[in-house]
Amino acid sequence: KVLGRTTARYRWFALLYLFFMFALCPGIVLLLSLAGSIVLTCTLVPVLFCVFIIILINVLQESRPAVLPNLLKSWNFLPEWMHSLDPLDRFISRYGCLGNYSEI
């Protein structure tokens, strides 16, 4: 549902998502595994922990915002590029080949 809404708003998102999930992420995991199991573990554990914390904060923002401190009730304290796809959309629309099709 979320991916569908995002793709409807940003036409380029589907291509970026497919590239990221089926090429970039598996390639990074492959390279880390070739470097050794210790390197793989020491890299993926903190990344997965951060992803877990972000998901937990998102769920709490939706269901129980009263338990969060004021700073974490929204992601607006972060720079725009860290909580919105709008800066990337402006860049792709201005310089990318998909900018010609933004009115379709």
Foldseek 3Di string as FASTA:
>chain_A
DVQVVVCVQFVCVVVVVCCCPPPVVVVVLVVQVVVHPVSSCVPVVVVVVVVVVVVVLVVCLPPPLVVDPPPSVDVVVDPCVVPDCVVVSVVCLVPNPCVVVNVD
